[in-house]
Amino acid sequence: MRLLLGCAVVLTALPLWAGESTELPALTSDQVARVRELVRRTQTQASLIQSRIEQRQRELAQVYAEYELKSESAEKLQQEIVDLQRRLLANHHAMQMQLRSIVGKARFEVLRRRLEAMVGQSVAPEASKTASSPKARP
C-alpha cells in the first residue's frame, strides 16, 4: 500500500518535473491526465480492497477469539482474505501495465528511480523511530 501511495505522489507531481534539466521531452498534457486518472482509479480500488481485507481480518480475529473454534468459518474467511489480497496485487499489476502504455521507457526509468528514492527515504525515518521507541513491557 505504501508503494502505491509513493507511486501516486511521484506520478501526480509529473508536471513539476516537466521543466527539469533532463534530455527527456516533457510529458504531454494528455499523458499527465491519463496518468493522474490511472493513479486515482488504482488508489480508489486499492483503498476499497484494503478496507475489505481489514474487515475480514477483524472477523477472523473474532472467530479465533471464541473458545469453540468454528473451523469452517475460519477457513472461509482465510480464503476471502487471500482472494482479496490477490485482487490487490492484480490492481497494482494492472496499473503498472497501463503506466507503461502511457509513458515511454526512458520516462518510466526516471519515475522508477524517483519512486525508489522516495520509498527509501520514507522507510529510514520509520526504522529509526522503531529503534528509539521504548520496548513494551509484558
N, C-alpha and C. Protein backbone atom coordinates (compact mmCIF):
# COMPACT_ATOMS: atom_id res chain seq x y z
N MET A 1 0.82 -1.19 0.00
CA MET A 1 0.00 0.00 0.00
C MET A 1 0.87 1.25 0.00
N ARG A 2 1.96 1.20 0.78
CA ARG A 2 2.87 2.34 0.84
C ARG A 2 3.47 2.61 -0.54
N LEU A 3 3.80 1.54 -1.27
CA LEU A 3 4.36 1.69 -2.60
C LEU A 3 3.36 2.37 -3.53
N LEU A 4 2.11 2.01 -3.42
CA LEU A 4 1.08 2.62 -4.25
C LEU A 4 0.94 4.10 -3.93
N LEU A 5 0.99 4.46 -2.67
CA LEU A 5 0.92 5.87 -2.31
C LEU A 5 2.14 6.63 -2.82
N GLY A 6 3.29 5.98 -2.78
CA GLY A 6 4.50 6.60 -3.33
C GLY A 6 4.37 6.82 -4.82
N CYS A 7 3.79 5.84 -5.51
CA CYS A 7 3.51 5.98 -6.95
C CYS A 7 2.62 7.19 -7.18
N ALA A 8 1.62 7.34 -6.35
CA ALA A 8 0.69 8.45 -6.53
C ALA A 8 1.41 9.78 -6.40
N VAL A 9 2.27 9.89 -5.42
CA VAL A 9 2.99 11.14 -5.23
C VAL A 9 3.89 11.42 -6.42
N VAL A 10 4.63 10.41 -6.84
CA VAL A 10 5.55 10.58 -7.98
C VAL A 10 4.77 10.91 -9.24
N LEU A 11 3.72 10.18 -9.49
CA LEU A 11 3.00 10.33 -10.75
C LEU A 11 2.16 11.59 -10.81
N THR A 12 1.60 12.01 -9.69
CA THR A 12 0.78 13.21 -9.72
C THR A 12 1.63 14.47 -9.75
N ALA A 13 2.90 14.35 -9.40
CA ALA A 13 3.81 15.51 -9.46
C ALA A 13 4.50 15.61 -10.81
N LEU A 14 4.06 14.84 -11.77
CA LEU A 14 4.70 14.83 -13.09
C LEU A 14 4.88 16.22 -13.70
N PRO A 15 3.87 17.06 -13.66
CA PRO A 15 4.05 18.37 -14.28
C PRO A 15 5.17 19.19 -13.64
N LEU A 16 5.44 18.95 -12.37
CA LEU A 16 6.50 19.68 -11.71
C LEU A 16 7.86 19.33 -12.29
N TRP A 17 7.98 18.13 -12.82
CA TRP A 17 9.25 17.70 -13.36
C TRP A 17 9.36 17.96 -14.86
N ALA A 18 8.33 18.51 -15.44
CA ALA A 18 8.34 18.74 -16.88
C ALA A 18 9.45 19.71 -17.28
N GLY A 19 9.79 20.65 -16.40
CA GLY A 19 10.80 21.64 -16.74
C GLY A 19 12.19 21.31 -16.24
N GLU A 20 12.40 20.14 -15.66
CA GLU A 20 13.71 19.84 -15.11
C GLU A 20 14.73 19.63 -16.23
N SER A 21 15.98 19.71 -15.88
CA SER A 21 17.04 19.66 -16.88
C SER A 21 17.42 18.23 -17.23
N THR A 22 16.55 17.53 -17.90
CA THR A 22 16.87 16.22 -18.44
C THR A 22 16.74 16.32 -19.95
N GLU A 23 17.21 15.33 -20.61
CA GLU A 23 17.11 15.34 -22.06
C GLU A 23 15.80 14.72 -22.54
N LEU A 24 14.96 14.33 -21.61
CA LEU A 24 13.68 13.75 -21.97
C LEU A 24 12.67 14.84 -22.29
N PRO A 25 11.84 14.61 -23.29
CA PRO A 25 10.78 15.59 -23.55
C PRO A 25 9.76 15.55 -22.41
N ALA A 26 9.15 16.69 -22.15
CA ALA A 26 8.14 16.76 -21.10
C ALA A 26 6.94 15.90 -21.49
N LEU A 27 6.24 15.44 -20.49
CA LEU A 27 5.01 14.69 -20.76
C LEU A 27 3.98 15.63 -21.35
N THR A 28 3.18 15.11 -22.25
CA THR A 28 2.12 15.92 -22.82
C THR A 28 1.01 16.07 -21.79
N SER A 29 0.14 17.04 -22.01
CA SER A 29 -0.98 17.22 -21.08
C SER A 29 -1.88 15.99 -21.10
N ASP A 30 -1.99 15.34 -22.24
CA ASP A 30 -2.78 14.10 -22.32
C ASP A 30 -2.16 13.00 -21.47
N GLN A 31 -0.84 12.86 -21.53
CA GLN A 31 -0.16 11.84 -20.72
C GLN A 31 -0.35 12.13 -19.23
N VAL A 32 -0.19 13.38 -18.85
CA VAL A 32 -0.36 13.75 -17.44
C VAL A 32 -1.78 13.42 -16.99
N ALA A 33 -2.76 13.76 -17.80
CA ALA A 33 -4.16 13.49 -17.44
C ALA A 33 -4.42 11.99 -17.34
N ARG A 34 -3.88 11.23 -18.27
CA ARG A 34 -4.08 9.78 -18.25
C ARG A 34 -3.42 9.14 -17.04
N VAL A 35 -2.22 9.60 -16.70
CA VAL A 35 -1.53 9.05 -15.53
C VAL A 35 -2.27 9.41 -14.26
N ARG A 36 -2.72 10.63 -14.15
CA ARG A 36 -3.48 11.03 -12.95
C ARG A 36 -4.75 10.19 -12.79
N GLU A 37 -5.46 9.98 -13.88
CA GLU A 37 -6.68 9.17 -13.82
C GLU A 37 -6.34 7.73 -13.44
N LEU A 38 -5.26 7.21 -13.99
CA LEU A 38 -4.82 5.86 -13.66
C LEU A 38 -4.52 5.75 -12.17
N VAL A 39 -3.79 6.71 -11.64
CA VAL A 39 -3.46 6.70 -10.22
C VAL A 39 -4.72 6.83 -9.37
N ARG A 40 -5.61 7.73 -9.73
CA ARG A 40 -6.85 7.92 -8.98
C ARG A 40 -7.66 6.63 -8.94
N ARG A 41 -7.84 6.03 -10.11
CA ARG A 41 -8.63 4.80 -10.20
C ARG A 41 -7.97 3.66 -9.41
N THR A 42 -6.65 3.54 -9.54
CA THR A 42 -5.93 2.48 -8.85
C THR A 42 -6.00 2.66 -7.34
N GLN A 43 -5.81 3.90 -6.88
CA GLN A 43 -5.89 4.17 -5.44
C GLN A 43 -7.28 3.90 -4.89
N THR A 44 -8.30 4.28 -5.64
CA THR A 44 -9.68 4.04 -5.20
C THR A 44 -9.93 2.55 -5.02
N GLN A 45 -9.54 1.78 -6.03
CA GLN A 45 -9.73 0.33 -5.95
C GLN A 45 -8.92 -0.26 -4.80
N ALA A 46 -7.67 0.16 -4.67
CA ALA A 46 -6.81 -0.37 -3.61
C ALA A 46 -7.39 -0.06 -2.23
N SER A 47 -7.90 1.14 -2.05
CA SER A 47 -8.49 1.51 -0.76
C SER A 47 -9.71 0.65 -0.44
N LEU A 48 -10.55 0.44 -1.44
CA LEU A 48 -11.73 -0.40 -1.21
C LEU A 48 -11.35 -1.83 -0.86
N ILE A 49 -10.40 -2.37 -1.61
CA ILE A 49 -9.97 -3.75 -1.36
C ILE A 49 -9.31 -3.85 0.01
N GLN A 50 -8.45 -2.89 0.34
CA GLN A 50 -7.75 -2.91 1.62
C GLN A 50 -8.75 -2.83 2.78
N SER A 51 -9.78 -2.03 2.63
CA SER A 51 -10.81 -1.94 3.67
C SER A 51 -11.50 -3.28 3.87
N ARG A 52 -11.78 -3.96 2.76
CA ARG A 52 -12.43 -5.27 2.87
C ARG A 52 -11.50 -6.30 3.50
N ILE A 53 -10.20 -6.22 3.18
CA ILE A 53 -9.24 -7.13 3.81
C ILE A 53 -9.23 -6.91 5.32
N GLU A 54 -9.17 -5.66 5.72
CA GLU A 54 -9.12 -5.35 7.15
C GLU A 54 -10.39 -5.82 7.86
N GLN A 55 -11.53 -5.66 7.21
CA GLN A 55 -12.80 -6.11 7.80
C GLN A 55 -12.78 -7.63 7.99
N ARG A 56 -12.36 -8.35 6.95
CA ARG A 56 -12.32 -9.81 7.04
C ARG A 56 -11.31 -10.27 8.10
N GLN A 57 -10.21 -9.54 8.24
CA GLN A 57 -9.23 -9.90 9.26
C GLN A 57 -9.81 -9.70 10.66
N ARG A 58 -10.60 -8.64 10.84
CA ARG A 58 -11.26 -8.44 12.14
C ARG A 58 -12.25 -9.57 12.42
N GLU A 59 -13.00 -9.96 11.38
CA GLU A 59 -13.95 -11.06 11.54
C GLU A 59 -13.22 -12.36 11.89
N LEU A 60 -12.10 -12.59 11.24
CA LEU A 60 -11.32 -13.80 11.52
C LEU A 60 -10.78 -13.77 12.95
N ALA A 61 -10.32 -12.62 13.39
CA ALA A 61 -9.82 -12.49 14.76
C ALA A 61 -10.95 -12.79 15.76
N GLN A 62 -12.16 -12.36 15.42
CA GLN A 62 -13.31 -12.64 16.30
C GLN A 62 -13.60 -14.14 16.35
N VAL A 63 -13.50 -14.82 15.22
CA VAL A 63 -13.71 -16.27 15.20
C VAL A 63 -12.68 -16.94 16.10
N TYR A 64 -11.42 -16.49 16.01
CA TYR A 64 -10.36 -17.09 16.83
C TYR A 64 -10.47 -16.69 18.30
N ALA A 65 -11.18 -15.62 18.60
CA ALA A 65 -11.33 -15.18 19.98
C ALA A 65 -12.28 -16.08 20.77
N GLU A 66 -13.11 -16.81 20.09
CA GLU A 66 -14.06 -17.71 20.73
C GLU A 66 -13.38 -19.03 21.08
N TYR A 67 -13.71 -19.58 22.22
CA TYR A 67 -13.13 -20.86 22.62
C TYR A 67 -13.54 -21.97 21.66
N GLU A 68 -14.82 -22.00 21.32
CA GLU A 68 -15.32 -23.01 20.39
C GLU A 68 -14.95 -22.54 18.98
N LEU A 69 -13.90 -23.12 18.43
CA LEU A 69 -13.41 -22.70 17.12
C LEU A 69 -14.31 -23.23 16.01
N LYS A 70 -14.79 -22.33 15.21
CA LYS A 70 -15.60 -22.69 14.04
C LYS A 70 -14.65 -22.74 12.85
N SER A 71 -14.07 -23.93 12.64
CA SER A 71 -13.05 -24.10 11.61
C SER A 71 -13.55 -23.73 10.22
N GLU A 72 -14.78 -24.10 9.94
CA GLU A 72 -15.34 -23.81 8.61
C GLU A 72 -15.40 -22.29 8.37
N SER A 73 -15.84 -21.56 9.37
CA SER A 73 -15.89 -20.10 9.26
C SER A 73 -14.50 -19.50 9.11
N ALA A 74 -13.56 -20.01 9.89
CA ALA A 74 -12.18 -19.51 9.82
C ALA A 74 -11.59 -19.76 8.43
N GLU A 75 -11.79 -20.95 7.93
CA GLU A 75 -11.23 -21.28 6.60
C GLU A 75 -11.87 -20.43 5.50
N LYS A 76 -13.17 -20.20 5.62
CA LYS A 76 -13.86 -19.36 4.63
C LYS A 76 -13.30 -17.94 4.66
N LEU A 77 -13.12 -17.39 5.85
CA LEU A 77 -12.57 -16.04 5.98
C LEU A 77 -11.12 -15.98 5.48
N GLN A 78 -10.34 -17.00 5.78
CA GLN A 78 -8.97 -17.05 5.28
C GLN A 78 -8.95 -17.00 3.76
N GLN A 79 -9.82 -17.78 3.14
CA GLN A 79 -9.87 -17.81 1.67
C GLN A 79 -10.31 -16.46 1.11
N GLU A 80 -11.26 -15.82 1.76
CA GLU A 80 -11.69 -14.50 1.31
C GLU A 80 -10.54 -13.49 1.40
N ILE A 81 -9.77 -13.57 2.48
CA ILE A 81 -8.63 -12.66 2.65
C ILE A 81 -7.60 -12.89 1.55
N VAL A 82 -7.29 -14.14 1.27
CA VAL A 82 -6.32 -14.46 0.21
C VAL A 82 -6.84 -13.96 -1.13
N ASP A 83 -8.11 -14.17 -1.42
CA ASP A 83 -8.68 -13.70 -2.68
C ASP A 83 -8.60 -12.18 -2.80
N LEU A 84 -8.89 -11.48 -1.71
CA LEU A 84 -8.80 -10.02 -1.72
C LEU A 84 -7.36 -9.55 -1.91
N GLN A 85 -6.41 -10.25 -1.29
CA GLN A 85 -5.01 -9.90 -1.47
C GLN A 85 -4.58 -10.11 -2.93
N ARG A 86 -5.09 -11.15 -3.55
CA ARG A 86 -4.81 -11.37 -4.98
C ARG A 86 -5.37 -10.22 -5.82
N ARG A 87 -6.58 -9.77 -5.47
CA ARG A 87 -7.17 -8.64 -6.19
C ARG A 87 -6.34 -7.38 -6.02
N LEU A 88 -5.81 -7.18 -4.82
CA LEU A 88 -4.96 -6.02 -4.57
C LEU A 88 -3.70 -6.08 -5.44
N LEU A 89 -3.09 -7.24 -5.51
CA LEU A 89 -1.91 -7.41 -6.37
C LEU A 89 -2.26 -7.24 -7.84
N ALA A 90 -3.39 -7.76 -8.27
CA ALA A 90 -3.82 -7.63 -9.66
C ALA A 90 -4.08 -6.16 -10.00
N ASN A 91 -4.64 -5.42 -9.07
CA ASN A 91 -4.88 -3.99 -9.26
C ASN A 91 -3.56 -3.26 -9.48
N HIS A 92 -2.57 -3.56 -8.66
CA HIS A 92 -1.26 -2.93 -8.80
C HIS A 92 -0.60 -3.33 -10.13
N HIS A 93 -0.72 -4.59 -10.48
CA HIS A 93 -0.15 -5.07 -11.74
C HIS A 93 -0.79 -4.36 -12.94
N ALA A 94 -2.09 -4.22 -12.91
CA ALA A 94 -2.78 -3.53 -14.00
C ALA A 94 -2.31 -2.09 -14.13
N MET A 95 -2.11 -1.42 -12.98
CA MET A 95 -1.61 -0.06 -13.02
C MET A 95 -0.22 -0.02 -13.65
N GLN A 96 0.63 -0.96 -13.29
CA GLN A 96 1.98 -1.00 -13.85
C GLN A 96 1.94 -1.22 -15.36
N MET A 97 1.08 -2.08 -15.81
CA MET A 97 0.95 -2.35 -17.25
C MET A 97 0.44 -1.10 -17.98
N GLN A 98 -0.57 -0.46 -17.44
CA GLN A 98 -1.15 0.72 -18.08
C GLN A 98 -0.17 1.89 -18.07
N LEU A 99 0.59 2.03 -17.00
CA LEU A 99 1.58 3.10 -16.93
C LEU A 99 2.58 2.98 -18.07
N ARG A 100 3.01 1.77 -18.35
CA ARG A 100 3.97 1.55 -19.43
C ARG A 100 3.38 1.83 -20.81
N SER A 101 2.06 1.77 -20.90
CA SER A 101 1.43 2.09 -22.19
C SER A 101 1.26 3.61 -22.36
N ILE A 102 1.40 4.35 -21.27
CA ILE A 102 1.23 5.80 -21.32
C ILE A 102 2.57 6.51 -21.49
N VAL A 103 3.58 6.08 -20.75
CA VAL A 103 4.89 6.73 -20.83
C VAL A 103 5.90 5.79 -21.46
N GLY A 104 6.91 6.38 -22.08
CA GLY A 104 7.96 5.59 -22.72
C GLY A 104 8.94 5.02 -21.70
N LYS A 105 9.86 4.20 -22.20
CA LYS A 105 10.81 3.51 -21.34
C LYS A 105 11.71 4.50 -20.57
N ALA A 106 12.22 5.50 -21.26
CA ALA A 106 13.13 6.44 -20.60
C ALA A 106 12.42 7.20 -19.49
N ARG A 107 11.20 7.68 -19.73
CA ARG A 107 10.45 8.42 -18.71
C ARG A 107 10.08 7.48 -17.57
N PHE A 108 9.75 6.25 -17.90
CA PHE A 108 9.42 5.27 -16.87
C PHE A 108 10.62 5.06 -15.94
N GLU A 109 11.81 4.96 -16.51
CA GLU A 109 13.02 4.77 -15.69
C GLU A 109 13.24 5.94 -14.73
N VAL A 110 13.00 7.15 -15.20
CA VAL A 110 13.13 8.33 -14.34
C VAL A 110 12.13 8.24 -13.20
N LEU A 111 10.89 7.92 -13.52
CA LEU A 111 9.85 7.80 -12.48
C LEU A 111 10.18 6.69 -11.49
N ARG A 112 10.67 5.57 -12.02
CA ARG A 112 11.02 4.44 -11.16
C ARG A 112 12.13 4.81 -10.19
N ARG A 113 13.16 5.49 -10.65
CA ARG A 113 14.26 5.90 -9.77
C ARG A 113 13.76 6.87 -8.70
N ARG A 114 12.90 7.80 -9.08
CA ARG A 114 12.36 8.74 -8.09
C ARG A 114 11.53 8.02 -7.04
N LEU A 115 10.72 7.07 -7.50
CA LEU A 115 9.90 6.31 -6.58
C LEU A 115 10.77 5.52 -5.61
N GLU A 116 11.80 4.86 -6.11
CA GLU A 116 12.70 4.11 -5.24
C GLU A 116 13.35 5.02 -4.21
N ALA A 117 13.76 6.22 -4.64
CA ALA A 117 14.37 7.17 -3.71
C ALA A 117 13.37 7.59 -2.65
N MET A 118 12.12 7.84 -3.05
CA MET A 118 11.09 8.25 -2.09
C MET A 118 10.78 7.13 -1.11
N VAL A 119 10.66 5.91 -1.61
CA VAL A 119 10.36 4.79 -0.73
C VAL A 119 11.52 4.56 0.23
N GLY A 120 12.74 4.68 -0.24
CA GLY A 120 13.91 4.53 0.61
C GLY A 120 13.95 5.59 1.70
N GLN A 121 13.59 6.83 1.35
CA GLN A 121 13.58 7.91 2.32
C GLN A 121 12.47 7.72 3.35
N SER A 122 11.34 7.21 2.91
CA SER A 122 10.22 7.07 3.84
C SER A 122 10.42 5.91 4.79
N VAL A 123 11.22 4.93 4.41
CA VAL A 123 11.45 3.78 5.28
C VAL A 123 12.45 4.13 6.37
N ALA A 124 13.46 4.89 6.06
CA ALA A 124 14.51 5.20 7.02
C ALA A 124 13.98 5.88 8.29
N PRO A 125 13.15 6.94 8.20
CA PRO A 125 12.66 7.57 9.43
C PRO A 125 11.84 6.62 10.30
N GLU A 126 11.04 5.76 9.69
CA GLU A 126 10.24 4.84 10.48
C GLU A 126 11.12 3.84 11.21
N ALA A 127 12.17 3.38 10.55
CA ALA A 127 13.08 2.43 11.18
C ALA A 127 13.76 3.06 12.39
N SER A 128 14.12 4.34 12.27
CA SER A 128 14.78 5.00 13.40
C SER A 128 13.79 5.23 14.54
N LYS A 129 12.52 5.50 14.23
CA LYS A 129 11.51 5.66 15.28
C LYS A 129 11.34 4.36 16.06
N THR A 130 11.29 3.25 15.32
CA THR A 130 11.09 1.95 15.96
C THR A 130 12.28 1.62 16.84
N ALA A 131 13.48 1.92 16.35
CA ALA A 131 14.68 1.61 17.11
C ALA A 131 14.77 2.44 18.39
N SER A 132 14.28 3.68 18.34
CA SER A 132 14.40 4.55 19.51
C SER A 132 13.21 4.46 20.46
N SER A 133 12.14 3.80 20.05
CA SER A 133 10.98 3.73 20.93
C SER A 133 11.22 2.73 22.06
N PRO A 134 10.71 3.02 23.23
CA PRO A 134 10.92 2.11 24.36
C PRO A 134 10.19 0.79 24.13
N LYS A 135 10.78 -0.26 24.63
CA LYS A 135 10.19 -1.59 24.49
C LYS A 135 8.95 -1.70 25.39
N ALA A 136 7.95 -2.38 24.88
CA ALA A 136 6.74 -2.59 25.67
C ALA A 136 7.03 -3.65 26.74
N ARG A 137 6.50 -3.44 27.90
CA ARG A 137 6.69 -4.41 28.98
C ARG A 137 5.46 -5.29 29.08
N PRO A 138 5.67 -6.58 29.32
CA PRO A 138 4.52 -7.51 29.42
C PRO A 138 3.65 -7.23 30.61
